[in-house]
PDB file of N, CA and C in Angstrom:
ATOM      1  N   MET A   1       0.839  -1.172   0.000  1.00  0.00           N
ATOM      2  CA  MET A   1       0.000   0.000   0.000  1.00  0.00           C
ATOM      3  C   MET A   1       0.890   1.243   0.000  1.00  0.00           C
ATOM      4  N   GLU A   2       0.624   2.113  -0.894  1.00  0.00           N
ATOM      5  CA  GLU A   2       1.383   3.363  -1.000  1.00  0.00           C
ATOM      6  C   GLU A   2       0.763   4.414  -0.087  1.00  0.00           C
ATOM      7  N   VAL A   3       1.580   4.987   0.788  1.00  0.00           N
ATOM      8  CA  VAL A   3       1.111   6.032   1.699  1.00  0.00           C
ATOM      9  C   VAL A   3       1.582   7.375   1.161  1.00  0.00           C
ATOM     10  N   ARG A   4       0.646   8.296   1.089  1.00  0.00           N
ATOM     11  CA  ARG A   4       0.976   9.620   0.556  1.00  0.00           C
ATOM     12  C   ARG A   4       2.012  10.315   1.441  1.00  0.00           C
ATOM     13  N   PRO A   5       2.948  11.046   0.820  1.00  0.00           N
ATOM     14  CA  PRO A   5       4.017  11.698   1.594  1.00  0.00           C
ATOM     15  C   PRO A   5       3.495  12.639   2.683  1.00  0.00           C
ATOM     16  N   GLU A   6       2.389  13.344   2.425  1.00  0.00           N
ATOM     17  CA  GLU A   6       1.873  14.273   3.436  1.00  0.00           C
ATOM     18  C   GLU A   6       1.336  13.532   4.663  1.00  0.00           C
ATOM     19  N   ILE A   7       0.856  12.310   4.444  1.00  0.00           N
ATOM     20  CA  ILE A   7       0.393  11.485   5.577  1.00  0.00           C
ATOM     21  C   ILE A   7       1.597  11.069   6.426  1.00  0.00           C
ATOM     22  N   LYS A   8       2.670  10.643   5.750  1.00  0.00           N
ATOM     23  CA  LYS A   8       3.878  10.257   6.476  1.00  0.00           C
ATOM     24  C   LYS A   8       4.448  11.445   7.247  1.00  0.00           C
ATOM     25  N   TYR A   9       4.425  12.614   6.637  1.00  0.00           N
ATOM     26  CA  TYR A   9       4.946  13.817   7.294  1.00  0.00           C
ATOM     27  C   TYR A   9       4.129  14.132   8.553  1.00  0.00           C
ATOM     28  N   ARG A  10       2.785  14.108   8.425  1.00  0.00           N
ATOM     29  CA  ARG A  10       1.920  14.393   9.574  1.00  0.00           C
ATOM     30  C   ARG A  10       2.148  13.381  10.690  1.00  0.00           C
ATOM     31  N   CYS A  11       2.332  12.121  10.313  1.00  0.00           N
ATOM     32  CA  CYS A  11       2.571  11.069  11.294  1.00  0.00           C
ATOM     33  C   CYS A  11       3.881  11.319  12.038  1.00  0.00           C
ATOM     34  N   ARG A  12       4.947  11.592  11.299  1.00  0.00           N
ATOM     35  CA  ARG A  12       6.248  11.849  11.934  1.00  0.00           C
ATOM     36  C   ARG A  12       6.167  13.035  12.886  1.00  0.00           C
ATOM     37  N   LYS A  13       5.477  14.085  12.453  1.00  0.00           N
ATOM     38  CA  LYS A  13       5.347  15.291  13.272  1.00  0.00           C
ATOM     39  C   LYS A  13       4.572  14.987  14.559  1.00  0.00           C
ATOM     40  N   TYR A  14       3.459  14.285  14.437  1.00  0.00           N
ATOM     41  CA  TYR A  14       2.633  13.954  15.588  1.00  0.00           C
ATOM     42  C   TYR A  14       3.370  13.012  16.542  1.00  0.00           C
ATOM     43  N   LYS A  15       4.091  12.053  15.967  1.00  0.00           N
ATOM     44  CA  LYS A  15       4.866  11.120  16.786  1.00  0.00           C
ATOM     45  C   LYS A  15       5.935  11.870  17.581  1.00  0.00           C
ATOM     46  N   LYS A  16       6.610  12.787  16.926  1.00  0.00           N
ATOM     47  CA  LYS A  16       7.652  13.572  17.591  1.00  0.00           C
ATOM     48  C   LYS A  16       7.067  14.372  18.758  1.00  0.00           C
ATOM     49  N   GLU A  17       5.890  14.966  18.542  1.00  0.00           N
ATOM     50  CA  GLU A  17       5.220  15.710  19.610  1.00  0.00           C
ATOM     51  C   GLU A  17       4.879  14.795  20.780  1.00  0.00           C
ATOM     52  N   ASN A  18       4.367  13.599  20.478  1.00  0.00           N
ATOM     53  CA  ASN A  18       4.000  12.650  21.527  1.00  0.00           C
ATOM     54  C   ASN A  18       5.210  12.163  22.314  1.00  0.00           C
ATOM     55  N   LEU A  19       6.320  11.988  21.629  1.00  0.00           N
ATOM     56  CA  LEU A  19       7.533  11.531  22.308  1.00  0.00           C
ATOM     57  C   LEU A  19       8.030  12.571  23.304  1.00  0.00           C
ATOM     58  N   LEU A  20       7.758  13.832  23.009  1.00  0.00           N
ATOM     59  CA  LEU A  20       8.199  14.912  23.893  1.00  0.00           C
ATOM     60  C   LEU A  20       7.273  15.118  25.086  1.00  0.00           C
ATOM     61  N   LYS A  21       6.052  14.620  24.996  1.00  0.00           N
ATOM     62  CA  LYS A  21       5.100  14.835  26.095  1.00  0.00           C
ATOM     63  C   LYS A  21       4.566  13.510  26.645  1.00  0.00           C
ATOM     64  N   ILE A  22       5.470  12.601  26.915  1.00  0.00           N
ATOM     65  CA  ILE A  22       5.086  11.308  27.483  1.00  0.00           C
ATOM     66  C   ILE A  22       4.397  11.537  28.830  1.00  0.00           C
ATOM     67  N   THR A  23       3.291  10.823  29.044  1.00  0.00           N
ATOM     68  CA  THR A  23       2.568  10.988  30.301  1.00  0.00           C
ATOM     69  C   THR A  23       3.259  10.202  31.410  1.00  0.00           C
ATOM     70  N   GLU A  24       2.894  10.521  32.628  1.00  0.00           N
ATOM     71  CA  GLU A  24       3.480   9.811  33.774  1.00  0.00           C
ATOM     72  C   GLU A  24       3.147   8.318  33.700  1.00  0.00           C
ATOM     73  N   ALA A  25       1.898   8.004  33.338  1.00  0.00           N
ATOM     74  CA  ALA A  25       1.491   6.594  33.248  1.00  0.00           C
ATOM     75  C   ALA A  25       2.269   5.874  32.148  1.00  0.00           C
ATOM     76  N   GLU A  26       2.468   6.534  31.015  1.00  0.00           N
ATOM     77  CA  GLU A  26       3.259   5.926  29.936  1.00  0.00           C
ATOM     78  C   GLU A  26       4.683   5.668  30.403  1.00  0.00           C
ATOM     79  N   GLN A  27       5.250   6.615  31.141  1.00  0.00           N
ATOM     80  CA  GLN A  27       6.626   6.456  31.631  1.00  0.00           C
ATOM     81  C   GLN A  27       6.713   5.294  32.621  1.00  0.00           C
ATOM     82  N   VAL A  28       5.731   5.169  33.493  1.00  0.00           N
ATOM     83  CA  VAL A  28       5.719   4.068  34.461  1.00  0.00           C
ATOM     84  C   VAL A  28       5.643   2.727  33.724  1.00  0.00           C
ATOM     85  N   PHE A  29       4.763   2.646  32.725  1.00  0.00           N
ATOM     86  CA  PHE A  29       4.631   1.398  31.971  1.00  0.00           C
ATOM     87  C   PHE A  29       5.905   1.108  31.174  1.00  0.00           C
ATOM     88  N   LYS A  30       6.472   2.142  30.583  1.00  0.00           N
ATOM     89  CA  LYS A  30       7.726   1.986  29.833  1.00  0.00           C
ATOM     90  C   LYS A  30       8.847   1.485  30.750  1.00  0.00           C
ATOM     91  N   ASP A  31       8.922   2.043  31.952  1.00  0.00           N
ATOM     92  CA  ASP A  31       9.931   1.608  32.920  1.00  0.00           C
ATOM     93  C   ASP A  31       9.742   0.130  33.276  1.00  0.00           C
ATOM     94  N   PHE A  32       8.478  -0.292  33.444  1.00  0.00           N
ATOM     95  CA  PHE A  32       8.188  -1.705  33.727  1.00  0.00           C
ATOM     96  C   PHE A  32       8.707  -2.589  32.590  1.00  0.00           C
ATOM     97  N   LEU A  33       8.412  -2.201  31.353  1.00  0.00           N
ATOM     98  CA  LEU A  33       8.849  -2.999  30.203  1.00  0.00           C
ATOM     99  C   LEU A  33      10.373  -3.076  30.136  1.00  0.00           C
ATOM    100  N   GLU A  34      11.019  -1.925  30.287  1.00  0.00           N
ATOM    101  CA  GLU A  34      12.487  -1.896  30.200  1.00  0.00           C
ATOM    102  C   GLU A  34      13.139  -2.682  31.332  1.00  0.00           C
ATOM    103  N   SER A  35      12.609  -2.566  32.546  1.00  0.00           N
ATOM    104  CA  SER A  35      13.226  -3.257  33.687  1.00  0.00           C
ATOM    105  C   SER A  35      13.063  -4.773  33.595  1.00  0.00           C
ATOM    106  N   ASN A  36      12.107  -5.220  32.794  1.00  0.00           N
ATOM    107  CA  ASN A  36      11.891  -6.663  32.617  1.00  0.00           C
ATOM    108  C   ASN A  36      12.365  -7.156  31.245  1.00  0.00           C
ATOM    109  N   ASN A  37      13.120  -6.317  30.551  1.00  0.00           N
ATOM    110  CA  ASN A  37      13.677  -6.663  29.232  1.00  0.00           C
ATOM    111  C   ASN A  37      12.615  -7.161  28.256  1.00  0.00           C
ATOM    112  N   ILE A  38      11.483  -6.486  28.238  1.00  0.00           N
ATOM    113  CA  ILE A  38      10.400  -6.831  27.330  1.00  0.00           C
ATOM    114  C   ILE A  38      10.540  -5.973  26.077  1.00  0.00           C
ATOM    115  N   ALA A  39      10.648  -6.631  24.927  1.00  0.00           N
ATOM    116  CA  ALA A  39      10.811  -5.900  23.663  1.00  0.00           C
ATOM    117  C   ALA A  39       9.523  -5.159  23.325  1.00  0.00           C
ATOM    118  N   PHE A  40       9.662  -3.871  23.019  1.00  0.00           N
ATOM    119  CA  PHE A  40       8.493  -3.074  22.687  1.00  0.00           C
ATOM    120  C   PHE A  40       8.856  -1.949  21.733  1.00  0.00           C
ATOM    121  N   LYS A  41       7.830  -1.405  21.118  1.00  0.00           N
ATOM    122  CA  LYS A  41       7.969  -0.194  20.315  1.00  0.00           C
ATOM    123  C   LYS A  41       7.033   0.832  20.923  1.00  0.00           C
ATOM    124  N   PHE A  42       7.521   2.040  21.046  1.00  0.00           N
ATOM    125  CA  PHE A  42       6.734   3.133  21.621  1.00  0.00           C
ATOM    126  C   PHE A  42       6.267   4.042  20.495  1.00  0.00           C
ATOM    127  N   GLN A  43       5.018   4.461  20.559  1.00  0.00           N
ATOM    128  CA  GLN A  43       4.414   5.301  19.520  1.00  0.00           C
ATOM    129  C   GLN A  43       4.542   4.626  18.148  1.00  0.00           C
ATOM    130  N   TYR A  44       4.076   3.385  18.093  1.00  0.00           N
ATOM    131  CA  TYR A  44       4.134   2.556  16.893  1.00  0.00           C
ATOM    132  C   TYR A  44       3.151   3.081  15.845  1.00  0.00           C
ATOM    133  N   GLN A  45       3.599   3.173  14.611  1.00  0.00           N
ATOM    134  CA  GLN A  45       2.798   3.738  13.513  1.00  0.00           C
ATOM    135  C   GLN A  45       2.131   2.645  12.686  1.00  0.00           C
ATOM    136  N   ILE A  46       0.840   2.855  12.403  1.00  0.00           N
ATOM    137  CA  ILE A  46       0.122   2.021  11.445  1.00  0.00           C
ATOM    138  C   ILE A  46      -0.541   2.972  10.448  1.00  0.00           C
ATOM    139  N   PHE A  47      -0.330   2.709   9.179  1.00  0.00           N
ATOM    140  CA  PHE A  47      -0.880   3.567   8.134  1.00  0.00           C
ATOM    141  C   PHE A  47      -2.074   2.902   7.462  1.00  0.00           C
ATOM    142  N   SER A  48      -3.038   3.729   7.093  1.00  0.00           N
ATOM    143  CA  SER A  48      -4.125   3.295   6.220  1.00  0.00           C
ATOM    144  C   SER A  48      -3.946   4.075   4.919  1.00  0.00           C
ATOM    145  N   ARG A  49      -4.855   3.914   3.997  1.00  0.00           N
ATOM    146  CA  ARG A  49      -4.724   4.642   2.725  1.00  0.00           C
ATOM    147  C   ARG A  49      -4.782   6.161   2.911  1.00  0.00           C
ATOM    148  N   GLN A  50      -5.620   6.603   3.819  1.00  0.00           N
ATOM    149  CA  GLN A  50      -5.857   8.035   3.965  1.00  0.00           C
ATOM    150  C   GLN A  50      -5.326   8.648   5.249  1.00  0.00           C
ATOM    151  N   SER A  51      -4.857   7.826   6.171  1.00  0.00           N
ATOM    152  CA  SER A  51      -4.480   8.376   7.460  1.00  0.00           C
ATOM    153  C   SER A  51      -3.483   7.457   8.172  1.00  0.00           C
ATOM    154  N   PHE A  52      -3.358   7.654   9.463  1.00  0.00           N
ATOM    155  CA  PHE A  52      -2.451   6.857  10.280  1.00  0.00           C
ATOM    156  C   PHE A  52      -2.971   6.837  11.707  1.00  0.00           C
ATOM    157  N   ILE A  53      -2.454   5.886  12.479  1.00  0.00           N
ATOM    158  CA  ILE A  53      -2.673   5.886  13.920  1.00  0.00           C
ATOM    159  C   ILE A  53      -1.342   5.643  14.606  1.00  0.00           C
ATOM    160  N   LEU A  54      -1.237   6.135  15.813  1.00  0.00           N
ATOM    161  CA  LEU A  54      -0.089   5.850  16.662  1.00  0.00           C
ATOM    162  C   LEU A  54      -0.600   5.052  17.856  1.00  0.00           C
ATOM    163  N   ILE A  55       0.085   3.981  18.154  1.00  0.00           N
ATOM    164  CA  ILE A  55      -0.262   3.140  19.291  1.00  0.00           C
ATOM    165  C   ILE A  55       0.783   3.400  20.368  1.00  0.00           C
ATOM    166  N   ASP A  56       0.326   3.564  21.598  1.00  0.00           N
ATOM    167  CA  ASP A  56       1.256   3.893  22.678  1.00  0.00           C
ATOM    168  C   ASP A  56       2.406   2.889  22.759  1.00  0.00           C
ATOM    169  N   PHE A  57       2.072   1.608  22.872  1.00  0.00           N
ATOM    170  CA  PHE A  57       3.097   0.568  22.957  1.00  0.00           C
ATOM    171  C   PHE A  57       2.682  -0.637  22.131  1.00  0.00           C
ATOM    172  N   VAL A  58       3.648  -1.267  21.500  1.00  0.00           N
ATOM    173  CA  VAL A  58       3.437  -2.582  20.900  1.00  0.00           C
ATOM    174  C   VAL A  58       4.489  -3.507  21.500  1.00  0.00           C
ATOM    175  N   LEU A  59       4.004  -4.562  22.146  1.00  0.00           N
ATOM    176  CA  LEU A  59       4.893  -5.580  22.693  1.00  0.00           C
ATOM    177  C   LEU A  59       5.149  -6.557  21.561  1.00  0.00           C
ATOM    178  N   THR A  60       6.345  -6.498  21.000  1.00  0.00           N
ATOM    179  CA  THR A  60       6.622  -7.169  19.732  1.00  0.00           C
ATOM    180  C   THR A  60       6.537  -8.692  19.813  1.00  0.00           C
ATOM    181  N   LYS A  61       7.067  -9.278  20.867  1.00  0.00           N
ATOM    182  CA  LYS A  61       7.038 -10.748  20.973  1.00  0.00           C
ATOM    183  C   LYS A  61       5.620 -11.248  21.213  1.00  0.00           C
ATOM    184  N   GLN A  62       4.886 -10.558  22.073  1.00  0.00           N
ATOM    185  CA  GLN A  62       3.538 -10.992  22.444  1.00  0.00           C
ATOM    186  C   GLN A  62       2.473 -10.548  21.437  1.00  0.00           C
ATOM    187  N   LYS A  63       2.844  -9.658  20.523  1.00  0.00           N
ATOM    188  CA  LYS A  63       1.909  -9.112  19.521  1.00  0.00           C
ATOM    189  C   LYS A  63       0.703  -8.467  20.183  1.00  0.00           C
ATOM    190  N   ILE A  64       1.007  -7.616  21.176  1.00  0.00           N
ATOM    191  CA  ILE A  64      -0.029  -6.902  21.911  1.00  0.00           C
ATOM    192  C   ILE A  64       0.166  -5.409  21.713  1.00  0.00           C
ATOM    193  N   ALA A  65      -0.924  -4.735  21.346  1.00  0.00           N
ATOM    194  CA  ALA A  65      -0.944  -3.272  21.267  1.00  0.00           C
ATOM    195  C   ALA A  65      -1.524  -2.768  22.582  1.00  0.00           C
ATOM    196  N   VAL A  66      -0.810  -1.876  23.243  1.00  0.00           N
ATOM    197  CA  VAL A  66      -1.264  -1.338  24.526  1.00  0.00           C
ATOM    198  C   VAL A  66      -1.548   0.148  24.368  1.00  0.00           C
ATOM    199  N   GLU A  67      -2.788   0.518  24.647  1.00  0.00           N
ATOM    200  CA  GLU A  67      -3.186   1.920  24.661  1.00  0.00           C
ATOM    201  C   GLU A  67      -3.381   2.323  26.108  1.00  0.00           C
ATOM    202  N   ILE A  68      -2.752   3.415  26.503  1.00  0.00           N
ATOM    203  CA  ILE A  68      -2.890   3.930  27.857  1.00  0.00           C
ATOM    204  C   ILE A  68      -3.736   5.200  27.769  1.00  0.00           C
ATOM    205  N   ASP A  69      -4.928   5.107  28.345  1.00  0.00           N
ATOM    206  CA  ASP A  69      -5.909   6.180  28.192  1.00  0.00           C
ATOM    207  C   ASP A  69      -6.115   6.945  29.484  1.00  0.00           C
ATOM    208  N   GLY A  70      -6.290   8.247  29.318  1.00  0.00           N
ATOM    209  CA  GLY A  70      -6.605   9.112  30.449  1.00  0.00           C
ATOM    210  C   GLY A  70      -8.100   9.339  30.545  1.00  0.00           C
ATOM    211  N   SER A  71      -8.489  10.173  31.480  1.00  0.00           N
ATOM    212  CA  SER A  71      -9.910  10.419  31.729  1.00  0.00           C
ATOM    213  C   SER A  71     -10.610  11.058  30.533  1.00  0.00           C
ATOM    214  N   SER A  72      -9.881  11.745  29.684  1.00  0.00           N
ATOM    215  CA  SER A  72     -10.508  12.383  28.515  1.00  0.00           C
ATOM    216  C   SER A  72     -11.097  11.352  27.561  1.00  0.00           C
ATOM    217  N   HIS A  73     -10.635  10.104  27.636  1.00  0.00           N
ATOM    218  CA  HIS A  73     -11.141   9.052  26.754  1.00  0.00           C
ATOM    219  C   HIS A  73     -12.463   8.453  27.257  1.00  0.00           C
ATOM    220  N   LYS A  74     -12.812   8.706  28.501  1.00  0.00           N
ATOM    221  CA  LYS A  74     -14.015   8.106  29.074  1.00  0.00           C
ATOM    222  C   LYS A  74     -15.294   8.787  28.588  1.00  0.00           C
ATOM    223  N   GLU A  75     -15.220  10.071  28.340  1.00  0.00           N
ATOM    224  CA  GLU A  75     -16.421  10.832  27.992  1.00  0.00           C
ATOM    225  C   GLU A  75     -16.339  11.308  26.549  1.00  0.00           C
ATOM    226  N   ARG A  76     -16.567  10.403  25.630  1.00  0.00           N
ATOM    227  CA  ARG A  76     -16.503  10.729  24.206  1.00  0.00           C
ATOM    228  C   ARG A  76     -17.835  10.434  23.534  1.00  0.00           C
ATOM    229  N   ASN A  77     -18.074  11.102  22.426  1.00  0.00           N
ATOM    230  CA  ASN A  77     -19.332  10.954  21.698  1.00  0.00           C
ATOM    231  C   ASN A  77     -19.286   9.808  20.688  1.00  0.00           C
ATOM    232  N   LYS A  78     -20.354   9.672  19.912  1.00  0.00           N
ATOM    233  CA  LYS A  78     -20.453   8.557  18.947  1.00  0.00           C
ATOM    234  C   LYS A  78     -19.372   8.616  17.884  1.00  0.00           C
ATOM    235  N   SER A  79     -18.988   9.808  17.426  1.00  0.00           N
ATOM    236  CA  SER A  79     -17.949   9.883  16.399  1.00  0.00           C
ATOM    237  C   SER A  79     -16.615   9.386  16.958  1.00  0.00           C
ATOM    238  N   TRP A  80     -16.356   9.654  18.228  1.00  0.00           N
ATOM    239  CA  TRP A  80     -15.135   9.152  18.872  1.00  0.00           C
ATOM    240  C   TRP A  80     -15.176   7.631  18.965  1.00  0.00           C
ATOM    241  N   GLN A  81     -16.363   7.086  19.300  1.00  0.00           N
ATOM    242  CA  GLN A  81     -16.509   5.636  19.376  1.00  0.00           C
ATOM    243  C   GLN A  81     -16.293   5.006  18.003  1.00  0.00           C
ATOM    244  N   SER A  82     -16.790   5.654  16.973  1.00  0.00           N
ATOM    245  CA  SER A  82     -16.601   5.173  15.605  1.00  0.00           C
ATOM    246  C   SER A  82     -15.120   5.189  15.230  1.00  0.00           C
ATOM    247  N   TYR A  83     -14.447   6.271  15.597  1.00  0.00           N
ATOM    248  CA  TYR A  83     -13.004   6.388  15.347  1.00  0.00           C
ATOM    249  C   TYR A  83     -12.254   5.256  16.048  1.00  0.00           C
ATOM    250  N   ASN A  84     -12.621   4.963  17.296  1.00  0.00           N
ATOM    251  CA  ASN A  84     -11.960   3.884  18.030  1.00  0.00           C
ATOM    252  C   ASN A  84     -12.190   2.533  17.380  1.00  0.00           C
ATOM    253  N   LYS A  85     -13.385   2.294  16.856  1.00  0.00           N
ATOM    254  CA  LYS A  85     -13.674   1.031  16.149  1.00  0.00           C
ATOM    255  C   LYS A  85     -12.775   0.911  14.919  1.00  0.00           C
ATOM    256  N   TRP A  86     -12.611   2.008  14.189  1.00  0.00           N
ATOM    257  CA  TRP A  86     -11.731   2.035  13.014  1.00  0.00           C
ATOM    258  C   TRP A  86     -10.295   1.709  13.432  1.00  0.00           C
ATOM    259  N   ARG A  87      -9.830   2.314  14.527  1.00  0.00           N
ATOM    260  CA  ARG A  87      -8.487   2.046  15.049  1.00  0.00           C
ATOM    261  C   ARG A  87      -8.333   0.566  15.391  1.00  0.00           C
ATOM    262  N   GLU A  88      -9.351   0.018  16.066  1.00  0.00           N
ATOM    263  CA  GLU A  88      -9.300  -1.389  16.462  1.00  0.00           C
ATOM    264  C   GLU A  88      -9.202  -2.306  15.245  1.00  0.00           C
ATOM    265  N   ARG A  89      -9.893  -1.954  14.169  1.00  0.00           N
ATOM    266  CA  ARG A  89      -9.807  -2.771  12.944  1.00  0.00           C
ATOM    267  C   ARG A  89      -8.400  -2.699  12.345  1.00  0.00           C
ATOM    268  N   LEU A  90      -7.806  -1.513  12.309  1.00  0.00           N
ATOM    269  CA  LEU A  90      -6.438  -1.383  11.782  1.00  0.00           C
ATOM    270  C   LEU A  90      -5.453  -2.193  12.618  1.00  0.00           C
ATOM    271  N   ILE A  91      -5.610  -2.128  13.919  1.00  0.00           N
ATOM    272  CA  ILE A  91      -4.719  -2.866  14.817  1.00  0.00           C
ATOM    273  C   ILE A  91      -4.867  -4.362  14.589  1.00  0.00           C
ATOM    274  N   ALA A  92      -6.100  -4.836  14.478  1.00  0.00           N
ATOM    275  CA  ALA A  92      -6.356  -6.264  14.246  1.00  0.00           C
ATOM    276  C   ALA A  92      -5.790  -6.723  12.909  1.00  0.00           C
ATOM    277  N   LYS A  93      -5.863  -5.867  11.882  1.00  0.00           N
ATOM    278  CA  LYS A  93      -5.316  -6.226  10.571  1.00  0.00           C
ATOM    279  C   LYS A  93      -3.810  -6.457  10.633  1.00  0.00           C
ATOM    280  N   LYS A  94      -3.161  -5.832  11.592  1.00  0.00           N
ATOM    281  CA  LYS A  94      -1.718  -6.027  11.782  1.00  0.00           C
ATOM    282  C   LYS A  94      -1.411  -7.257  12.628  1.00  0.00           C
ATOM    283  N   GLY A  95      -2.459  -7.980  13.026  1.00  0.00           N
ATOM    284  CA  GLY A  95      -2.257  -9.192  13.818  1.00  0.00           C
ATOM    285  C   GLY A  95      -1.969  -8.919  15.281  1.00  0.00           C
ATOM    286  N   LEU A  96      -2.372  -7.747  15.757  1.00  0.00           N
ATOM    287  CA  LEU A  96      -2.127  -7.367  17.142  1.00  0.00           C
ATOM    288  C   LEU A  96      -3.414  -7.459  17.956  1.00  0.00           C
ATOM    289  N   THR A  97      -3.271  -7.813  19.214  1.00  0.00           N
ATOM    290  CA  THR A  97      -4.380  -7.808  20.156  1.00  0.00           C
ATOM    291  C   THR A  97      -4.324  -6.508  20.938  1.00  0.00           C
ATOM    292  N   LEU A  98      -5.431  -5.801  20.999  1.00  0.00           N
ATOM    293  CA  LEU A  98      -5.472  -4.512  21.681  1.00  0.00           C
ATOM    294  C   LEU A  98      -5.841  -4.679  23.149  1.00  0.00           C
ATOM    295  N   VAL A  99      -5.059  -4.034  24.005  1.00  0.00           N
ATOM    296  CA  VAL A  99      -5.352  -3.967  25.441  1.00  0.00           C
ATOM    297  C   VAL A  99      -5.354  -2.491  25.813  1.00  0.00           C
ATOM    298  N   ARG A 100      -6.418  -2.073  26.501  1.00  0.00           N
ATOM    299  CA  ARG A 100      -6.508  -0.693  26.975  1.00  0.00           C
ATOM    300  C   ARG A 100      -6.306  -0.675  28.483  1.00  0.00           C
ATOM    301  N   LEU A 101      -5.430   0.199  28.921  1.00  0.00           N
ATOM    302  CA  LEU A 101      -5.202   0.412  30.348  1.00  0.00           C
ATOM    303  C   LEU A 101      -5.484   1.882  30.658  1.00  0.00           C
ATOM    304  N   TRP A 102      -6.027   2.131  31.829  1.00  0.00           N
ATOM    305  CA  TRP A 102      -6.288   3.507  32.265  1.00  0.00           C
ATOM    306  C   TRP A 102      -5.091   4.042  33.027  1.00  0.00           C
ATOM    307  N   ASN A 103      -4.842   5.328  32.866  1.00  0.00           N
ATOM    308  CA  ASN A 103      -3.746   5.978  33.596  1.00  0.00           C
ATOM    309  C   ASN A 103      -3.791   5.629  35.082  1.00  0.00           C
ATOM    310  N   ASP A 104      -4.975   5.795  35.692  1.00  0.00           N
ATOM    311  CA  ASP A 104      -5.110   5.544  37.130  1.00  0.00           C
ATOM    312  C   ASP A 104      -4.738   4.116  37.505  1.00  0.00           C
ATOM    313  N   ASP A 105      -5.103   3.151  36.656  1.00  0.00           N
ATOM    314  CA  ASP A 105      -4.766   1.750  36.943  1.00  0.00           C
ATOM    315  C   ASP A 105      -3.264   1.539  36.972  1.00  0.00           C
ATOM    316  N   ILE A 106      -2.577   2.190  36.062  1.00  0.00           N
ATOM    317  CA  ILE A 106      -1.112   2.044  36.020  1.00  0.00           C
ATOM    318  C   ILE A 106      -0.468   2.767  37.201  1.00  0.00           C
ATOM    319  N   LEU A 107      -0.888   3.994  37.432  1.00  0.00           N
ATOM    320  CA  LEU A 107      -0.272   4.785  38.501  1.00  0.00           C
ATOM    321  C   LEU A 107      -0.550   4.203  39.883  1.00  0.00           C
ATOM    322  N   ASN A 108      -1.709   3.566  40.053  1.00  0.00           N
ATOM    323  CA  ASN A 108      -2.061   2.968  41.344  1.00  0.00           C
ATOM    324  C   ASN A 108      -1.764   1.478  41.391  1.00  0.00           C
ATOM    325  N   ASN A 109      -1.216   0.942  40.316  1.00  0.00           N
ATOM    326  CA  ASN A 109      -0.890  -0.486  40.202  1.00  0.00           C
ATOM    327  C   ASN A 109      -2.080  -1.351  40.636  1.00  0.00           C
ATOM    328  N   SER A 110      -3.199  -1.091  39.981  1.00  0.00           N
ATOM    329  CA  SER A 110      -4.456  -1.778  40.315  1.00  0.00           C
ATOM    330  C   SER A 110      -4.347  -3.282  40.065  1.00  0.00           C
ATOM    331  N   ASP A 111      -5.338  -4.020  40.570  1.00  0.00           N
ATOM    332  CA  ASP A 111      -5.364  -5.473  40.374  1.00  0.00           C
ATOM    333  C   ASP A 111      -5.323  -5.834  38.893  1.00  0.00           C
ATOM    334  N   SER A 112      -6.127  -5.112  38.082  1.00  0.00           N
ATOM    335  CA  SER A 112      -6.160  -5.429  36.647  1.00  0.00           C
ATOM    336  C   SER A 112      -4.812  -5.153  35.990  1.00  0.00           C
ATOM    337  N   CYS A 113      -4.145  -4.109  36.426  1.00  0.00           N
ATOM    338  CA  CYS A 113      -2.822  -3.783  35.870  1.00  0.00           C
ATOM    339  C   CYS A 113      -1.793  -4.831  36.302  1.00  0.00           C
ATOM    340  N   ARG A 114      -1.818  -5.220  37.558  1.00  0.00           N
ATOM    341  CA  ARG A 114      -0.881  -6.255  38.035  1.00  0.00           C
ATOM    342  C   ARG A 114      -1.116  -7.572  37.307  1.00  0.00           C
ATOM    343  N   LYS A 115      -2.379  -7.912  37.079  1.00  0.00           N
ATOM    344  CA  LYS A 115      -2.709  -9.153  36.373  1.00  0.00           C
ATOM    345  C   LYS A 115      -2.170  -9.106  34.943  1.00  0.00           C
ATOM    346  N   PHE A 116      -2.363  -7.971  34.261  1.00  0.00           N
ATOM    347  CA  PHE A 116      -1.853  -7.833  32.895  1.00  0.00           C
ATOM    348  C   PHE A 116      -0.336  -7.944  32.872  1.00  0.00           C
ATOM    349  N   LYS A 117       0.344  -7.298  33.801  1.00  0.00           N
ATOM    350  CA  LYS A 117       1.804  -7.375  33.873  1.00  0.00           C
ATOM    351  C   LYS A 117       2.253  -8.822  34.081  1.00  0.00           C
ATOM    352  N   ALA A 118       1.557  -9.542  34.960  1.00  0.00           N
ATOM    353  CA  ALA A 118       1.913 -10.943  35.211  1.00  0.00           C
ATOM    354  C   ALA A 118       1.737 -11.788  33.958  1.00  0.00           C
ATOM    355  N   GLU A 119       0.671 -11.518  33.198  1.00  0.00           N
ATOM    356  CA  GLU A 119       0.457 -12.244  31.946  1.00  0.00           C
ATOM    357  C   GLU A 119       1.573 -11.969  30.938  1.00  0.00           C
ATOM    358  N   ILE A 120       2.008 -10.722  30.876  1.00  0.00           N
ATOM    359  CA  ILE A 120       3.110 -10.370  29.975  1.00  0.00           C
ATOM    360  C   ILE A 120       4.372 -11.145  30.381  1.00  0.00           C
ATOM    361  N   LEU A 121       4.677 -11.109  31.682  1.00  0.00           N
ATOM    362  CA  LEU A 121       5.888 -11.772  32.157  1.00  0.00           C
ATOM    363  C   LEU A 121       5.830 -13.287  31.952  1.00  0.00           C
ATOM    364  N   SER A 122       4.659 -13.876  32.085  1.00  0.00           N
ATOM    365  CA  SER A 122       4.552 -15.324  31.913  1.00  0.00           C
ATOM    366  C   SER A 122       4.704 -15.732  30.442  1.00  0.00           C
ATOM    367  N   ALA A 123       4.501 -14.782  29.540  1.00  0.00           N
ATOM    368  CA  ALA A 123       4.620 -15.082  28.105  1.00  0.00           C
ATOM    369  C   ALA A 123       6.067 -14.971  27.615  1.00  0.00           C
ATOM    370  N   LEU A 124       6.969 -14.539  28.483  1.00  0.00           N
ATOM    371  CA  LEU A 124       8.381 -14.387  28.065  1.00  0.00           C
ATOM    372  C   LEU A 124       9.061 -15.722  27.894  1.00  0.00           C
TER     373      LEU A 124
END
């Protein structure tokens, strides 16, 4: 699939901005991955014909896409839900399983977050 140069440019620009403003929860999760020698890609790019998406983390060996969402993601309208469905389809087409974690779960090391971390470690 040929991606238009302006799409690639917008993606690179947006990725660069995201790399400069990593959230506390993203940093905590990144530290967990690095301290356990888990191979990952941060701000992973997936292109479609007309656009792109950036995924917070892709765990390369486990083929898991991890999105870390803040409170702004909880209160979205139907168009946002439609956009998320489109993202989920693109992620699935790449053979990745999507897991969503909330900032609060990571920062507070909730039961669900600890369980997910244990599953990652057991897959090594």
